[in-house]
Protein backbone atom coordinates (compact mmCIF):
# COMPACT_ATOMS: atom_id res chain seq x y z
CA MET A 1 13.55 6.82 10.84
CA SER A 2 15.41 7.20 7.55
CA SER A 3 19.12 6.54 7.23
CA THR A 4 21.80 8.10 5.04
CA LEU A 5 23.97 4.99 5.07
CA PRO A 6 24.78 3.91 1.51
CA VAL A 7 23.66 0.96 -0.52
CA ILE A 8 26.80 -1.04 -1.36
CA ALA A 9 27.29 -2.92 -4.60
CA ALA A 10 30.15 -5.45 -4.64
CA VAL A 11 31.66 -5.73 -8.12
CA ASP A 12 34.38 -7.86 -9.70
CA GLY A 13 33.95 -7.12 -13.40
CA SER A 14 31.70 -10.10 -14.10
CA ASP A 15 28.31 -9.80 -15.81
CA ASP A 16 26.72 -11.07 -12.59
CA SER A 17 28.20 -8.23 -10.59
CA LEU A 18 27.06 -5.64 -13.16
CA ARG A 19 23.50 -6.95 -12.83
CA ALA A 20 23.86 -6.55 -9.07
CA LEU A 21 25.20 -3.03 -9.64
CA ASP A 22 22.12 -2.09 -11.66
CA TRP A 23 19.85 -3.48 -8.93
CA ALA A 24 21.75 -1.58 -6.22
CA LEU A 25 21.65 1.60 -8.27
CA ASP A 26 17.85 1.46 -8.53
CA ASP A 27 17.48 0.73 -4.84
CA ALA A 28 19.80 3.57 -3.80
CA ARG A 29 17.78 5.91 -6.01
CA ARG A 30 14.52 4.76 -4.41
CA ARG A 31 15.95 5.20 -0.92
CA GLY A 32 17.55 8.56 -1.70
CA VAL A 33 20.98 7.49 -0.42
CA PRO A 34 24.47 7.23 -1.97
CA LEU A 35 25.63 4.18 -3.88
CA ARG A 36 29.02 2.82 -2.85
CA VAL A 37 30.75 0.58 -5.41
CA VAL A 38 33.31 -1.74 -3.82
CA HIS A 39 35.84 -4.04 -5.45
CA VAL A 40 37.86 -6.38 -3.25
CA ARG A 41 41.10 -7.33 -4.97
CA GLN A 42 42.38 -10.74 -3.98
CA TYR A 43 45.99 -11.58 -4.67
CA ALA A 44 47.79 -14.87 -4.91
CA ALA A 45 49.36 -14.41 -1.49
CA TRP A 46 45.90 -14.58 0.07
CA ALA A 47 44.60 -17.58 -1.79
CA GLN A 48 47.81 -19.60 -2.13
CA PRO A 49 50.42 -18.78 0.52
CA ASP A 50 53.14 -20.71 -1.31
CA ILE A 51 53.01 -18.32 -4.30
CA LEU A 52 54.91 -15.05 -4.06
CA ALA A 53 52.75 -12.12 -5.15
CA ALA A 54 54.30 -9.28 -7.13
CA GLY A 55 52.43 -6.83 -4.93
CA PRO A 56 49.23 -4.81 -5.18
CA PRO A 57 48.79 -2.15 -7.86
CA GLU A 58 49.17 1.51 -7.05
CA PRO A 59 46.28 3.08 -5.12
CA GLY A 60 43.50 4.08 -7.48
CA ASP A 61 44.74 1.76 -10.22
CA ASP A 62 41.77 -0.59 -10.32
CA PRO A 63 40.56 -1.66 -13.79
CA VAL A 64 37.34 -3.09 -12.36
CA LEU A 65 36.33 0.23 -10.82
CA ASP A 66 37.38 1.97 -14.05
CA GLN A 67 35.07 -0.42 -15.91
CA VAL A 68 32.19 0.53 -13.61
CA ARG A 69 32.84 4.24 -14.08
CA THR A 70 32.62 3.73 -17.84
CA TYR A 71 29.52 1.55 -17.44
CA LEU A 72 27.70 4.28 -15.48
CA LYS A 73 29.00 7.24 -17.48
CA GLY A 74 26.27 9.40 -18.95
CA ARG A 75 23.38 7.82 -17.04
CA ALA A 76 20.65 10.16 -15.94
CA ASP A 77 19.41 10.53 -12.38
CA LEU A 78 22.41 8.85 -10.78
CA PRO A 79 22.59 9.11 -6.99
CA ALA A 80 25.88 10.15 -5.45
CA VAL A 81 28.34 7.35 -6.31
CA GLU A 82 31.48 6.48 -4.33
CA TYR A 83 34.19 4.05 -5.45
CA HIS A 84 36.23 1.99 -3.00
CA GLY A 85 38.99 -0.51 -3.73
CA LEU A 86 39.97 -2.93 -0.98
CA GLU A 87 42.63 -5.63 -0.75
CA GLY A 88 42.15 -8.98 0.94
CA ALA A 89 39.88 -11.99 1.00
CA PRO A 90 36.40 -11.10 -0.35
CA GLY A 91 34.68 -13.75 1.77
CA ALA A 92 36.03 -12.03 4.89
CA LEU A 93 35.89 -8.37 3.86
CA LEU A 94 32.49 -8.22 2.16
CA PRO A 95 30.49 -9.18 5.29
CA GLU A 96 32.34 -6.51 7.27
CA LEU A 97 31.01 -3.83 4.92
CA GLY A 98 27.54 -4.44 6.33
CA THR A 99 28.30 -2.49 9.49
CA GLY A 100 28.23 0.75 7.47
CA ALA A 101 25.52 0.05 4.92
CA GLN A 102 21.75 -0.08 4.56
CA LEU A 103 22.10 -2.91 2.09
CA LEU A 104 24.83 -5.03 0.51
CA VAL A 105 24.16 -6.25 -3.04
CA LEU A 106 26.05 -9.00 -4.89
CA GLY A 107 25.65 -11.15 -7.96
CA SER A 108 24.97 -14.84 -7.52
CA ARG A 109 28.31 -15.76 -9.10
CA GLY A 110 31.53 -13.83 -9.58
CA ARG A 111 34.72 -14.49 -11.47
CA GLY A 112 36.49 -17.74 -10.77
CA GLY A 113 35.13 -20.72 -8.87
CA PHE A 114 33.02 -23.42 -10.44
CA ALA A 115 30.59 -22.27 -13.13
CA SER A 116 28.16 -25.05 -12.19
CA LEU A 117 27.57 -23.63 -8.71
CA LEU A 118 24.36 -21.63 -8.31
CA LEU A 119 25.73 -19.35 -5.58
CA GLY A 120 29.33 -18.32 -5.03
CA SER A 121 31.11 -18.64 -1.70
CA ASN A 122 31.40 -14.85 -1.31
CA GLY A 123 27.65 -14.41 -1.67
CA MET A 124 27.00 -17.18 0.83
CA ALA A 125 29.48 -15.70 3.33
CA ALA A 126 27.99 -12.22 3.03
CA ALA A 127 24.41 -13.46 3.39
CA ARG A 128 25.40 -15.46 6.46
CA ASP A 129 27.60 -12.92 8.26
CA ALA A 130 26.80 -9.32 7.26
CA GLU A 131 25.17 -7.02 9.81
CA CYS A 132 22.87 -5.50 7.17
CA PRO A 133 20.43 -7.14 4.75
CA VAL A 134 22.17 -8.77 1.78
CA VAL A 135 20.57 -8.99 -1.67
CA VAL A 136 21.79 -11.66 -4.07
CA VAL A 137 20.81 -11.05 -7.70
CA PRO A 138 20.48 -14.27 -9.72
CA ARG A 139 21.36 -14.85 -13.33
CA PRO A 140 18.38 -14.39 -15.65
CA GLY A 141 16.50 -17.39 -16.96
CA ARG A 142 16.07 -19.46 -13.82
CA GLU A 143 13.01 -21.63 -14.23
CA VAL A 144 10.68 -22.25 -11.31
CA HIS A 145 7.73 -24.57 -11.16
CA GLY A 146 4.45 -24.43 -9.33
CA ASP A 147 1.14 -22.66 -9.73
CA VAL A 148 0.94 -19.82 -7.22
CA PRO A 149 -2.04 -17.44 -7.11
CA VAL A 150 -0.85 -13.87 -7.60
CA GLU A 151 -2.41 -10.48 -8.05
CA PRO A 152 -1.31 -8.46 -11.10
CA GLY A 153 1.38 -5.83 -10.76
CA PRO A 154 4.78 -5.59 -9.04
CA ARG A 155 5.26 -7.87 -6.04
CA VAL A 156 7.60 -8.32 -3.10
CA VAL A 157 7.42 -11.83 -1.62
CA VAL A 158 8.16 -12.55 2.04
CA GLY A 159 8.14 -15.76 4.04
CA LEU A 160 6.46 -15.78 7.44
CA GLN A 161 6.90 -18.55 10.01
CA VAL A 162 3.88 -18.29 12.27
CA ASP A 163 5.62 -20.30 15.00
CA SER A 164 8.66 -18.00 14.93
CA PRO A 165 7.88 -14.65 13.24
CA ASP A 166 10.85 -12.46 12.35
CA GLU A 167 9.95 -8.80 12.84
CA ALA A 168 13.10 -7.52 11.09
CA THR A 169 12.27 -9.52 7.96
CA LEU A 170 8.67 -8.30 7.88
CA ALA A 171 9.74 -4.69 8.44
CA PHE A 172 12.25 -4.88 5.58
CA ALA A 173 9.71 -6.46 3.24
CA PHE A 174 7.07 -3.81 3.96
CA THR A 175 9.64 -1.04 3.43
CA GLU A 176 10.78 -2.47 0.10
CA ALA A 177 7.21 -2.93 -1.09
CA GLY A 178 6.43 0.66 -0.17
CA LEU A 179 9.51 1.99 -1.99
CA ARG A 180 8.56 0.04 -5.10
CA GLY A 181 4.84 0.74 -5.05
CA ALA A 182 4.41 -3.04 -4.97
CA ARG A 183 2.04 -5.52 -3.39
CA LEU A 184 3.38 -7.60 -0.53
CA HIS A 185 2.88 -11.32 -1.14
CA VAL A 186 3.11 -13.11 2.23
CA VAL A 187 3.73 -16.86 2.20
CA ALA A 188 2.86 -18.65 5.45
CA ALA A 189 3.57 -22.33 4.80
CA TYR A 190 2.37 -25.15 7.05
CA MET A 191 3.33 -28.81 7.01
CA TRP A 192 0.69 -31.20 5.73
CA PRO A 193 -0.19 -33.98 6.25
CA VAL A 194 0.57 -34.09 9.96
CA GLN A 195 1.18 -37.63 11.18
CA PRO A 196 0.94 -38.41 14.90
CA TRP A 197 3.49 -40.64 16.60
CA THR A 198 2.57 -44.29 16.20
CA VAL A 199 4.09 -47.69 16.72
CA PRO A 200 6.34 -48.72 13.81
CA GLY A 201 4.37 -49.78 10.75
CA GLU A 202 1.05 -48.37 11.94
CA LEU A 203 -0.50 -45.58 9.88
CA VAL A 204 -2.98 -43.33 11.66
CA PRO A 205 -4.95 -40.65 9.78
CA PRO A 206 -4.35 -37.03 10.86
CA LEU A 207 -6.28 -36.02 13.95
CA VAL A 208 -6.60 -32.40 12.77
CA ASP A 209 -8.61 -31.19 9.81
CA GLN A 210 -6.51 -29.46 7.13
CA ASN A 211 -8.94 -26.55 6.82
CA ALA A 212 -8.55 -25.91 10.55
CA VAL A 213 -4.75 -25.87 10.25
CA GLU A 214 -4.89 -23.56 7.24
CA ASN A 215 -7.32 -21.16 8.91
CA GLU A 216 -5.25 -21.07 12.10
CA THR A 217 -2.07 -20.41 10.09
CA TRP A 218 -3.75 -17.58 8.17
CA THR A 219 -5.20 -16.04 11.34
CA LEU A 220 -1.84 -16.11 13.12
CA ALA A 221 -0.12 -14.60 10.09
CA GLU A 222 -2.64 -11.78 9.88
CA GLY A 223 -2.10 -11.02 13.55
CA PHE A 224 1.67 -10.68 13.09
CA LEU A 225 1.15 -8.47 10.04
CA THR A 226 -1.28 -6.05 11.71
CA PRO A 227 1.30 -3.64 13.25
CA HIS A 228 3.26 -3.53 10.00
CA ARG A 229 0.09 -2.78 8.03
CA SER A 230 -0.60 0.16 10.32
CA ARG A 231 2.88 1.56 9.68
CA HIS A 232 2.58 1.04 5.92
CA PRO A 233 -1.08 1.69 5.10
CA ASP A 234 -0.34 2.23 1.40
CA VAL A 235 1.12 -1.27 0.91
CA PRO A 236 -1.51 -3.79 -0.25
CA VAL A 237 -0.95 -7.19 1.36
CA ASP A 238 -1.99 -10.64 0.15
CA THR A 239 -1.58 -13.40 2.72
CA TYR A 240 -1.44 -17.02 1.59
CA ALA A 241 -1.50 -19.95 4.02
CA MET A 242 -0.25 -22.86 1.94
CA PRO A 243 0.57 -26.52 2.62
CA GLY A 244 3.99 -27.89 1.92
CA ASP A 245 7.57 -26.91 2.39
CA ALA A 246 8.25 -23.19 2.78
CA ALA A 247 11.25 -23.14 0.44
CA GLY A 248 9.27 -24.65 -2.41
CA GLN A 249 6.41 -22.20 -1.93
CA LEU A 250 8.75 -19.19 -1.86
CA VAL A 251 10.67 -20.34 -4.93
CA ALA A 252 7.41 -20.85 -6.82
CA ALA A 253 6.21 -17.39 -5.76
CA SER A 254 9.50 -15.84 -6.97
CA LYS A 255 8.42 -16.07 -10.61
CA ASP A 256 7.97 -12.53 -11.95
CA ALA A 257 8.48 -11.05 -8.45
CA GLY A 258 10.67 -8.02 -7.90
CA LEU A 259 12.21 -9.39 -4.70
CA VAL A 260 11.95 -12.31 -2.29
CA VAL A 261 12.65 -11.55 1.38
CA VAL A 262 13.73 -14.21 3.88
CA GLY A 263 15.16 -14.14 7.38
CA ARG A 264 18.67 -15.43 7.94
CA HIS A 265 18.48 -17.58 11.05
CA ARG A 266 18.67 -17.11 14.77
CA ARG A 267 21.53 -18.65 16.66
CA ARG A 268 20.63 -21.76 18.58
CA LEU A 269 21.91 -22.77 22.00
CA LEU A 270 23.88 -25.72 20.66
CA ALA A 271 24.94 -23.93 17.48
CA PRO A 272 26.15 -20.47 18.55
CA ALA A 273 27.89 -19.65 15.26
CA ARG A 274 26.03 -17.64 12.64
CA MET A 275 24.23 -19.84 10.19
CA MET A 276 21.54 -19.85 7.54
CA GLY A 277 18.52 -22.06 7.73
CA SER A 278 17.79 -24.64 5.07
CA VAL A 279 14.83 -22.65 3.72
CA THR A 280 16.97 -19.54 3.23
CA GLN A 281 19.72 -21.51 1.49
CA ALA A 282 17.24 -23.22 -0.83
CA VAL A 283 15.62 -19.91 -1.78
CA LEU A 284 19.02 -18.35 -2.48
CA LEU A 285 19.94 -21.24 -4.74
CA HIS A 286 16.72 -21.56 -6.72
CA ALA A 287 14.60 -18.38 -6.67
CA ALA A 288 14.06 -16.63 -10.00
CA ALA A 289 14.02 -13.17 -8.40
CA PRO A 290 16.64 -11.32 -6.35
CA VAL A 291 16.68 -12.56 -2.75
CA ALA A 292 17.14 -10.36 0.33
CA VAL A 293 18.50 -12.14 3.40
CA VAL A 294 17.68 -10.13 6.52
CA PRO A 295 19.64 -10.60 9.77
CA PRO A 296 17.76 -10.64 13.08
CA VAL A 297 17.65 -7.48 15.13
CA MET A 298 20.58 -6.95 17.46
CA GLY A 299 20.39 -9.21 20.49
CA GLU A 300 18.19 -11.88 18.88
CA GLU A 301 20.93 -13.62 16.92
């Protein structure tokens, strides 16, 4: 069922946020929904309580939103565009926007902070806490290494854990691939070599053949993909069962991809707070393509 909720682009005037704006604009156009441009203005009183702030500007007086209006002026085929200025702490307010959005899009770095960081704190907070999928658009020029077999043409990459498949992540990836007319590149990584428990200092060769593990991983992955294939028959799917760590395989596959899709993380019994898994964090930090972090369906987190 389609939704008329908007795609939200968070902007702060930085080049990173304008790249995110362009990505969000294209996605809103593909989805046929409005684009909502949001700027959260943070004042000294929020960040440093001991400094007296002069007060917020008058409503509507937002140079960042004015910059975006100028940036988009004269473009053809714009969807309906809304502009919203908010006041407060971006790390707290941006995740809240997810309750009324199909998608929240941010740049990997905004103004301020440490230039050496690969992902800003606001992007990390939104990806961890928002109720909707969050797309983080990286700076261009990230280099990734690894030789990954790919079919020609546009691709959406998705990670699939065969021991814990995430239906929300797969559904989002299939939808995005369909909207883009892209192939879906499914990465199902498995750990190899597998070492059995032994006494200290004793090395025992694996008891399971690697081909058997790879075939089982591929078969399980195909089974989880079957219902999604039936709902998206026009999306070509390439499934790769590959040895090694999942983050490394997804980062390698991100080269020349249009989007990489990963699940956020389910809450664990002993860690009830929302969190992101190590694979998701690594992909956010190092992928060459935009990364979509998809929350679990309601009740699974």
